[in-house]
Structure formats: C-alpha cells, structure tokens
Amino acid sequence: MSAFFGFISKTYAIIASDTLCSFKPKEGDNELLPRSYTCKTFLLPQYKSAFAITGTLQAGLCFFNNTVEFTYGFDIDSLVNIDLLHFRKKLESEYEEFPTGTIYLFGYSSIQETFKGFKLVVNSKAELKWCEMPAENLIFKPFVDNWEEKISHSDIQRNTHQLIIDMMKLQKQEDKTKQLDDQVGIGGEIVCTELVIDNQTAVLTITTQIVHQFDDYFTLGERMASSK
C-alpha cells in the first residue's frame, strides 16, 4: 500500500509518495511487517507524464511495462485513450493473484496546453476506466479528516514540500491507529516528483527528490534485513 499526495495546475504537477512496502498481514500478526523500500512513482517522459501506484506494487509495474511495450503517443491524452483490455489480460496472465491498486496518472496535454490528472482503479471485477481528477485541488490518500485544521495555511503558501511532509506525517500517525487489516503501512522516505512545462519553449522538465526520511527508517530497514 502507500501514502499518496498529488496536485495539478496549468503549468505544473506534483506527485509524492512514501517508499515503504509491507507484507499483507497474516493470522496472528499484530502489526504490518516491513518488506522493502522502493519508489512507487514511475516516469513516462516520452508521454510527458508520470504516475504513482497505491495498493499492490505489481499493478504499477504491469501498467508501466504495458505502456512501454504496447502503446504509442506523445502526451497524457495518448495514454488515457489506449485500450486497457490488453493491460487487464497482462494482469490476469502474469500474476497468480490479481494485483489490485489505484494508479494516479499526471501529465501534460499538448492540445489543451495544461496538465491533467487521471485515476484508474485496478481490481479483478470492475471495468478498467480512467476517471479525470479536478485541477487546483489537493489529492491525497489515505484521507485525513480536518487536515486544514491540523496544517496551517501559512505553511501551504510558503513551502509545498513541507506541506507534503506534514500531510504524510499525519497519514502515518492516523494509519497506525486503524485496525490492522485497514492499515496501508507508511514509512521509509518521501519521494516527490515535479513536472513543469516551459510555455515559451514547450520543454517539459521532470525532477525527483527525496524530501524527507521518517524517524523509523533505519529501524525498519534493520528488520527487513534480519528477516531475509
């Protein structure tokens, strides 16, 4: 699972997620067991896009491979107009257990000259269908109740990275209070990817930074190493 943060505007888009991957809880477990650290954001610069995955990492890996192997295009509009039937068949054939999750795709539309965002819920029963997300709104998962009261607006205006860090700290804190089966597991580091378009040259720049390391980073890492 994962924590996710996103924002879309006309000239830029931001994607952020944590790096912790955990094992699914088994009977008798009293906490999520850490599995590995990995980046959950995938870059598709040839499509002026990037996406993040929450849920099962394999769903994101499969979508990335499917996009590289079987699609042609030049921006986000190309991606969301491809037939998703082959993606579903690839999920069904390559994995014993159908990977589930949500793909958050952000990218630039050359025709509309703006960034756009789409969500794709991946599961074995529902139809695979892109849902466009609103611009100029914070998009985050898991949801934090009354987050506006917990994070000052002055911080939002001053530093986007600090807003992301504060939000994910809240997500991590609240996640630990949930029933084990409802926890997603949040930790490791926060990876932030920013897509920016230069309107004068139409050049797209994608930058990825590690903007935060959680306090339990090394403790969980030692547990991962000792369990292998």
C-alpha atoms as a PDB file:
ATOM      1  CA  MET A   1       0.000   0.000   0.000  1.00  0.00           C
ATOM      2  CA  SER A   2       1.126   3.588   0.164  1.00  0.00           C
ATOM      3  CA  ALA A   3       0.547   7.195   1.054  1.00  0.00           C
ATOM      4  CA  PHE A   4      -0.037   9.440  -1.947  1.00  0.00           C
ATOM      5  CA  PHE A   5      -0.119  13.200  -2.496  1.00  0.00           C
ATOM      6  CA  GLY A   6      -0.830  14.997  -5.757  1.00  0.00           C
ATOM      7  CA  PHE A   7      -1.565  18.422  -7.174  1.00  0.00           C
ATOM      8  CA  ILE A   8      -2.322  19.598 -10.718  1.00  0.00           C
ATOM      9  CA  SER A   9      -2.187  23.111 -12.162  1.00  0.00           C
ATOM     10  CA  LYS A  10      -1.956  24.520 -15.673  1.00  0.00           C
ATOM     11  CA  THR A  11       1.855  24.710 -15.705  1.00  0.00           C
ATOM     12  CA  TYR A  12       2.975  22.023 -13.259  1.00  0.00           C
ATOM     13  CA  ALA A  13       2.023  18.818 -11.469  1.00  0.00           C
ATOM     14  CA  ILE A  14       3.325  17.219  -8.266  1.00  0.00           C
ATOM     15  CA  ILE A  15       3.334  13.566  -7.237  1.00  0.00           C
ATOM     16  CA  ALA A  16       4.619  12.356  -3.873  1.00  0.00           C
ATOM     17  CA  SER A  17       4.571   9.009  -2.093  1.00  0.00           C
ATOM     18  CA  ASP A  18       6.364   7.142   0.646  1.00  0.00           C
ATOM     19  CA  THR A  19       8.709   4.213  -0.072  1.00  0.00           C
ATOM     20  CA  LEU A  20       7.642   1.546   2.438  1.00  0.00           C
ATOM     21  CA  CYS A  21       6.314  -1.784   1.183  1.00  0.00           C
ATOM     22  CA  SER A  22       4.803  -4.139   3.770  1.00  0.00           C
ATOM     23  CA  PHE A  23       3.686  -7.755   3.780  1.00  0.00           C
ATOM     24  CA  LYS A  24      -0.023  -8.458   3.888  1.00  0.00           C
ATOM     25  CA  PRO A  25      -0.995  -9.243   7.483  1.00  0.00           C
ATOM     26  CA  LYS A  26      -1.458 -12.896   8.345  1.00  0.00           C
ATOM     27  CA  GLU A  27      -3.463 -14.507  11.109  1.00  0.00           C
ATOM     28  CA  GLY A  28      -1.709 -13.860  14.388  1.00  0.00           C
ATOM     29  CA  ASP A  29       0.117 -10.725  13.264  1.00  0.00           C
ATOM     30  CA  ASN A  30      -0.282  -7.679  15.494  1.00  0.00           C
ATOM     31  CA  GLU A  31       1.415  -5.215  13.136  1.00  0.00           C
ATOM     32  CA  LEU A  32       2.358  -4.804   9.488  1.00  0.00           C
ATOM     33  CA  LEU A  33       5.741  -6.352   8.761  1.00  0.00           C
ATOM     34  CA  PRO A  34       8.092  -4.238   6.605  1.00  0.00           C
ATOM     35  CA  ARG A  35       9.174  -5.858   3.339  1.00  0.00           C
ATOM     36  CA  SER A  36      11.299  -3.354   1.417  1.00  0.00           C
ATOM     37  CA  TYR A  37      11.807   0.252   0.424  1.00  0.00           C
ATOM     38  CA  THR A  38      11.021   1.184  -3.161  1.00  0.00           C
ATOM     39  CA  CYS A  39       9.953   4.157  -5.250  1.00  0.00           C
ATOM     40  CA  LYS A  40       6.266   3.928  -6.202  1.00  0.00           C
ATOM     41  CA  THR A  41       6.395   6.669  -8.841  1.00  0.00           C
ATOM     42  CA  PHE A  42       7.073   5.750 -12.471  1.00  0.00           C
ATOM     43  CA  LEU A  43       8.310   8.254 -15.066  1.00  0.00           C
ATOM     44  CA  LEU A  44       6.970   8.325 -18.621  1.00  0.00           C
ATOM     45  CA  PRO A  45       8.740  11.370 -20.101  1.00  0.00           C
ATOM     46  CA  GLN A  46       8.021  10.204 -23.667  1.00  0.00           C
ATOM     47  CA  TYR A  47       4.350  10.810 -22.819  1.00  0.00           C
ATOM     48  CA  LYS A  48       5.028  13.986 -20.794  1.00  0.00           C
ATOM     49  CA  SER A  49       3.656  12.039 -17.823  1.00  0.00           C
ATOM     50  CA  ALA A  50       4.354  10.198 -14.604  1.00  0.00           C
ATOM     51  CA  PHE A  51       2.227   8.042 -12.342  1.00  0.00           C
ATOM     52  CA  ALA A  52       2.153   6.660  -8.819  1.00  0.00           C
ATOM     53  CA  ILE A  53       0.635   3.426  -7.551  1.00  0.00           C
ATOM     54  CA  THR A  54      -1.091   2.750  -4.249  1.00  0.00           C
ATOM     55  CA  GLY A  55      -2.048  -0.781  -3.302  1.00  0.00           C
ATOM     56  CA  THR A  56      -0.139  -3.647  -4.912  1.00  0.00           C
ATOM     57  CA  LEU A  57       3.140  -2.522  -6.483  1.00  0.00           C
ATOM     58  CA  GLN A  58       2.806  -5.185  -9.214  1.00  0.00           C
ATOM     59  CA  ALA A  59      -0.203  -3.327 -10.660  1.00  0.00           C
ATOM     60  CA  GLY A  60       2.026  -0.313 -11.269  1.00  0.00           C
ATOM     61  CA  LEU A  61       4.874  -2.396 -12.680  1.00  0.00           C
ATOM     62  CA  CYS A  62       2.493  -4.153 -15.051  1.00  0.00           C
ATOM     63  CA  PHE A  63       0.983  -0.856 -16.250  1.00  0.00           C
ATOM     64  CA  PHE A  64       4.458   0.585 -16.837  1.00  0.00           C
ATOM     65  CA  ASN A  65       5.560  -2.448 -18.851  1.00  0.00           C
ATOM     66  CA  ASN A  66       2.317  -2.494 -20.810  1.00  0.00           C
ATOM     67  CA  THR A  67       2.724   1.199 -21.636  1.00  0.00           C
ATOM     68  CA  VAL A  68       6.310   0.759 -22.822  1.00  0.00           C
ATOM     69  CA  GLU A  69       5.573  -2.337 -24.884  1.00  0.00           C
ATOM     70  CA  PHE A  70       2.201  -1.719 -26.458  1.00  0.00           C
ATOM     71  CA  THR A  71       1.405   1.982 -26.752  1.00  0.00           C
ATOM     72  CA  TYR A  72       2.404   4.855 -28.973  1.00  0.00           C
ATOM     73  CA  GLY A  73       1.809   8.530 -28.332  1.00  0.00           C
ATOM     74  CA  PHE A  74       3.290  11.800 -27.190  1.00  0.00           C
ATOM     75  CA  ASP A  75       1.353  13.061 -24.137  1.00  0.00           C
ATOM     76  CA  ILE A  76      -1.149  12.151 -21.437  1.00  0.00           C
ATOM     77  CA  ASP A  77      -4.077  12.198 -23.874  1.00  0.00           C
ATOM     78  CA  SER A  78      -2.407   9.360 -25.774  1.00  0.00           C
ATOM     79  CA  LEU A  79      -2.138   7.283 -22.612  1.00  0.00           C
ATOM     80  CA  VAL A  80      -5.712   7.625 -21.413  1.00  0.00           C
ATOM     81  CA  ASN A  81      -7.114   6.797 -24.851  1.00  0.00           C
ATOM     82  CA  ILE A  82      -5.428   3.429 -25.267  1.00  0.00           C
ATOM     83  CA  ASP A  83      -7.429   0.220 -24.952  1.00  0.00           C
ATOM     84  CA  LEU A  84      -6.991  -1.140 -21.406  1.00  0.00           C
ATOM     85  CA  LEU A  85      -8.086  -4.651 -22.383  1.00  0.00           C
ATOM     86  CA  HIS A  86      -4.515  -5.801 -23.002  1.00  0.00           C
ATOM     87  CA  PHE A  87      -3.470  -4.398 -19.630  1.00  0.00           C
ATOM     88  CA  ARG A  88      -6.157  -6.488 -17.931  1.00  0.00           C
ATOM     89  CA  LYS A  89      -5.101  -9.605 -19.827  1.00  0.00           C
ATOM     90  CA  LYS A  90      -1.499  -8.981 -18.820  1.00  0.00           C
ATOM     91  CA  LEU A  91      -2.521  -8.713 -15.161  1.00  0.00           C
ATOM     92  CA  GLU A  92      -4.511 -11.934 -15.378  1.00  0.00           C
ATOM     93  CA  SER A  93      -1.811 -13.933 -17.163  1.00  0.00           C
ATOM     94  CA  GLU A  94       1.353 -12.810 -15.382  1.00  0.00           C
ATOM     95  CA  TYR A  95       0.257 -12.967 -11.747  1.00  0.00           C
ATOM     96  CA  GLU A  96      -1.183 -15.852  -9.774  1.00  0.00           C
ATOM     97  CA  GLU A  97      -3.146 -13.399  -7.624  1.00  0.00           C
ATOM     98  CA  PHE A  98      -4.685 -10.440  -9.490  1.00  0.00           C
ATOM     99  CA  PRO A  99      -2.840  -7.257  -8.403  1.00  0.00           C
ATOM    100  CA  THR A 100      -5.100  -4.518  -7.095  1.00  0.00           C
ATOM    101  CA  GLY A 101      -4.485  -0.851  -6.506  1.00  0.00           C
ATOM    102  CA  THR A 102      -5.030   2.659  -7.790  1.00  0.00           C
ATOM    103  CA  ILE A 103      -2.943   4.357 -10.473  1.00  0.00           C
ATOM    104  CA  TYR A 104      -2.663   8.158 -10.295  1.00  0.00           C
ATOM    105  CA  LEU A 105      -1.526   9.443 -13.693  1.00  0.00           C
ATOM    106  CA  PHE A 106      -0.401  13.058 -14.132  1.00  0.00           C
ATOM    107  CA  GLY A 107       0.777  14.586 -17.389  1.00  0.00           C
ATOM    108  CA  TYR A 108       0.723  17.394 -19.913  1.00  0.00           C
ATOM    109  CA  SER A 109      -1.874  17.755 -22.670  1.00  0.00           C
ATOM    110  CA  SER A 110      -0.279  19.306 -25.738  1.00  0.00           C
ATOM    111  CA  ILE A 111      -3.633  20.164 -27.314  1.00  0.00           C
ATOM    112  CA  GLN A 112      -5.183  21.763 -24.221  1.00  0.00           C
ATOM    113  CA  GLU A 113      -1.834  23.199 -23.051  1.00  0.00           C
ATOM    114  CA  THR A 114      -2.374  22.223 -19.447  1.00  0.00           C
ATOM    115  CA  PHE A 115      -1.544  19.451 -17.009  1.00  0.00           C
ATOM    116  CA  LYS A 116      -4.221  16.855 -16.331  1.00  0.00           C
ATOM    117  CA  GLY A 117      -4.670  14.059 -13.816  1.00  0.00           C
ATOM    118  CA  PHE A 118      -6.474  10.727 -14.037  1.00  0.00           C
ATOM    119  CA  LYS A 119      -7.214   7.896 -11.628  1.00  0.00           C
ATOM    120  CA  LEU A 120      -7.514   4.221 -12.558  1.00  0.00           C
ATOM    121  CA  VAL A 121      -8.854   1.732 -10.014  1.00  0.00           C
ATOM    122  CA  VAL A 122      -7.441  -1.722 -10.711  1.00  0.00           C
ATOM    123  CA  ASN A 123      -9.248  -4.817  -9.477  1.00  0.00           C
ATOM    124  CA  SER A 124     -10.411  -8.114 -10.921  1.00  0.00           C
ATOM    125  CA  LYS A 125     -14.134  -7.307 -11.004  1.00  0.00           C
ATOM    126  CA  ALA A 126     -14.644  -3.673 -12.002  1.00  0.00           C
ATOM    127  CA  GLU A 127     -14.219  -2.263 -15.505  1.00  0.00           C
ATOM    128  CA  LEU A 128     -10.876  -0.532 -16.040  1.00  0.00           C
ATOM    129  CA  LYS A 129     -11.798   3.074 -16.715  1.00  0.00           C
ATOM    130  CA  TRP A 130      -9.925   6.341 -16.308  1.00  0.00           C
ATOM    131  CA  CYS A 131     -11.530   8.996 -14.106  1.00  0.00           C
ATOM    132  CA  GLU A 132     -10.303  12.574 -14.532  1.00  0.00           C
ATOM    133  CA  MET A 133      -9.344  14.385 -11.326  1.00  0.00           C
ATOM    134  CA  PRO A 134     -10.005  18.097 -10.689  1.00  0.00           C
ATOM    135  CA  ALA A 135      -7.201  20.617 -11.073  1.00  0.00           C
ATOM    136  CA  GLU A 136      -6.147  23.069  -8.364  1.00  0.00           C
ATOM    137  CA  ASN A 137      -7.138  20.606  -5.610  1.00  0.00           C
ATOM    138  CA  LEU A 138      -5.025  18.622  -3.191  1.00  0.00           C
ATOM    139  CA  ILE A 139      -5.365  14.901  -3.879  1.00  0.00           C
ATOM    140  CA  PHE A 140      -4.198  12.542  -1.161  1.00  0.00           C
ATOM    141  CA  LYS A 141      -4.697   9.023   0.111  1.00  0.00           C
ATOM    142  CA  PRO A 142      -5.354   7.842   2.772  1.00  0.00           C
ATOM    143  CA  PHE A 143      -7.691  10.700   3.626  1.00  0.00           C
ATOM    144  CA  VAL A 144      -7.017  12.811   6.721  1.00  0.00           C
ATOM    145  CA  ASP A 145     -10.071  14.271   8.453  1.00  0.00           C
ATOM    146  CA  ASN A 146      -9.943  18.015   9.148  1.00  0.00           C
ATOM    147  CA  TRP A 147      -6.454  18.264   7.673  1.00  0.00           C
ATOM    148  CA  GLU A 148      -6.889  22.015   7.165  1.00  0.00           C
ATOM    149  CA  GLU A 149      -7.115  22.466  10.928  1.00  0.00           C
ATOM    150  CA  LYS A 150      -4.019  20.335  11.502  1.00  0.00           C
ATOM    151  CA  ILE A 151      -1.788  22.080   8.953  1.00  0.00           C
ATOM    152  CA  SER A 152      -1.570  25.873   8.914  1.00  0.00           C
ATOM    153  CA  HIS A 153      -2.338  27.664   5.651  1.00  0.00           C
ATOM    154  CA  SER A 154       0.807  29.740   6.056  1.00  0.00           C
ATOM    155  CA  ASP A 155       2.864  26.572   5.586  1.00  0.00           C
ATOM    156  CA  ILE A 156       0.891  25.697   2.447  1.00  0.00           C
ATOM    157  CA  GLN A 157       1.734  29.037   0.879  1.00  0.00           C
ATOM    158  CA  ARG A 158       5.375  29.030   1.932  1.00  0.00           C
ATOM    159  CA  ASN A 159       6.650  25.550   1.088  1.00  0.00           C
ATOM    160  CA  THR A 160       4.974  22.796  -0.895  1.00  0.00           C
ATOM    161  CA  HIS A 161       7.493  20.196   0.235  1.00  0.00           C
ATOM    162  CA  GLN A 162       6.786  20.997   3.879  1.00  0.00           C
ATOM    163  CA  LEU A 163       3.068  20.613   3.235  1.00  0.00           C
ATOM    164  CA  ILE A 164       3.686  17.163   1.741  1.00  0.00           C
ATOM    165  CA  ILE A 165       5.855  16.160   4.695  1.00  0.00           C
ATOM    166  CA  ASP A 166       3.322  17.396   7.258  1.00  0.00           C
ATOM    167  CA  MET A 167       0.483  15.653   5.420  1.00  0.00           C
ATOM    168  CA  MET A 168       2.280  12.303   5.265  1.00  0.00           C
ATOM    169  CA  LYS A 169       3.255  12.520   8.903  1.00  0.00           C
ATOM    170  CA  LEU A 170      -0.447  12.883   9.696  1.00  0.00           C
ATOM    171  CA  GLN A 171      -1.304   9.999   7.371  1.00  0.00           C
ATOM    172  CA  LYS A 172       1.314   7.797   9.046  1.00  0.00           C
ATOM    173  CA  GLN A 173       0.125   8.751  12.522  1.00  0.00           C
ATOM    174  CA  GLU A 174      -3.538   8.046  11.745  1.00  0.00           C
ATOM    175  CA  ASP A 175      -2.736   4.857   9.839  1.00  0.00           C
ATOM    176  CA  LYS A 176      -1.224   3.313  12.961  1.00  0.00           C
ATOM    177  CA  THR A 177      -4.497   3.838  14.881  1.00  0.00           C
ATOM    178  CA  LYS A 178      -6.553   1.779  12.407  1.00  0.00           C
ATOM    179  CA  GLN A 179      -7.383  -1.900  12.567  1.00  0.00           C
ATOM    180  CA  LEU A 180      -4.527  -3.982  11.150  1.00  0.00           C
ATOM    181  CA  ASP A 181      -6.436  -5.041   8.030  1.00  0.00           C
ATOM    182  CA  ASP A 182      -7.218  -1.388   7.264  1.00  0.00           C
ATOM    183  CA  GLN A 183      -3.638  -0.142   7.599  1.00  0.00           C
ATOM    184  CA  VAL A 184      -1.654   0.660   4.457  1.00  0.00           C
ATOM    185  CA  GLY A 185       1.791   0.984   6.035  1.00  0.00           C
ATOM    186  CA  ILE A 186       3.547   4.329   5.593  1.00  0.00           C
ATOM    187  CA  GLY A 187       7.241   4.999   6.053  1.00  0.00           C
ATOM    188  CA  GLY A 188      10.718   4.984   4.593  1.00  0.00           C
ATOM    189  CA  GLU A 189      11.251   8.209   2.715  1.00  0.00           C
ATOM    190  CA  ILE A 190       9.048  10.652   0.831  1.00  0.00           C
ATOM    191  CA  VAL A 191       9.820  10.876  -2.879  1.00  0.00           C
ATOM    192  CA  CYS A 192       8.494  13.979  -4.626  1.00  0.00           C
ATOM    193  CA  THR A 193       8.290  14.228  -8.426  1.00  0.00           C
ATOM    194  CA  GLU A 194       7.504  17.530 -10.126  1.00  0.00           C
ATOM    195  CA  LEU A 195       6.568  18.009 -13.780  1.00  0.00           C
ATOM    196  CA  VAL A 196       6.934  21.547 -15.143  1.00  0.00           C
ATOM    197  CA  ILE A 197       6.278  22.901 -18.640  1.00  0.00           C
ATOM    198  CA  ASP A 198       8.026  25.946 -20.099  1.00  0.00           C
ATOM    199  CA  ASN A 199       5.313  27.700 -22.077  1.00  0.00           C
ATOM    200  CA  GLN A 200       7.859  29.558 -24.196  1.00  0.00           C
ATOM    201  CA  THR A 201       9.807  26.527 -25.380  1.00  0.00           C
ATOM    202  CA  ALA A 202       7.306  23.707 -24.660  1.00  0.00           C
ATOM    203  CA  VAL A 203      10.126  21.872 -22.878  1.00  0.00           C
ATOM    204  CA  LEU A 204       8.994  19.546 -20.099  1.00  0.00           C
ATOM    205  CA  THR A 205      11.224  19.156 -17.049  1.00  0.00           C
ATOM    206  CA  ILE A 206      10.757  16.281 -14.587  1.00  0.00           C
ATOM    207  CA  THR A 207      12.634  16.352 -11.277  1.00  0.00           C
ATOM    208  CA  THR A 208      12.558  13.783  -8.496  1.00  0.00           C
ATOM    209  CA  GLN A 209      13.767  14.469  -4.965  1.00  0.00           C
ATOM    210  CA  ILE A 210      13.794  12.700  -1.624  1.00  0.00           C
ATOM    211  CA  VAL A 211      12.309  15.407   0.604  1.00  0.00           C
ATOM    212  CA  HIS A 212      12.006  13.551   3.913  1.00  0.00           C
ATOM    213  CA  GLN A 213      13.167  10.482   5.818  1.00  0.00           C
ATOM    214  CA  PHE A 214      10.890   9.136   8.543  1.00  0.00           C
ATOM    215  CA  ASP A 215      12.308   8.640  12.039  1.00  0.00           C
ATOM    216  CA  ASP A 216      11.911   4.842  11.909  1.00  0.00           C
ATOM    217  CA  TYR A 217      13.733   4.483   8.564  1.00  0.00           C
ATOM    218  CA  PHE A 218      16.768   2.610   9.903  1.00  0.00           C
ATOM    219  CA  THR A 219      14.818   0.614  12.483  1.00  0.00           C
ATOM    220  CA  LEU A 220      12.507  -0.796   9.821  1.00  0.00           C
ATOM    221  CA  GLY A 221      15.440  -1.331   7.476  1.00  0.00           C
ATOM    222  CA  GLU A 222      17.200  -3.488  10.061  1.00  0.00           C
ATOM    223  CA  ARG A 223      14.032  -5.558  10.468  1.00  0.00           C
ATOM    224  CA  MET A 224      13.854  -6.069   6.697  1.00  0.00           C
ATOM    225  CA  ALA A 225      17.482  -7.216   6.588  1.00  0.00           C
ATOM    226  CA  SER A 226      17.118  -9.615   9.526  1.00  0.00           C
ATOM    227  CA  SER A 227      14.045 -11.287   8.034  1.00  0.00           C
ATOM    228  CA  LYS A 228      15.791 -12.291   4.772  1.00  0.00           C
END
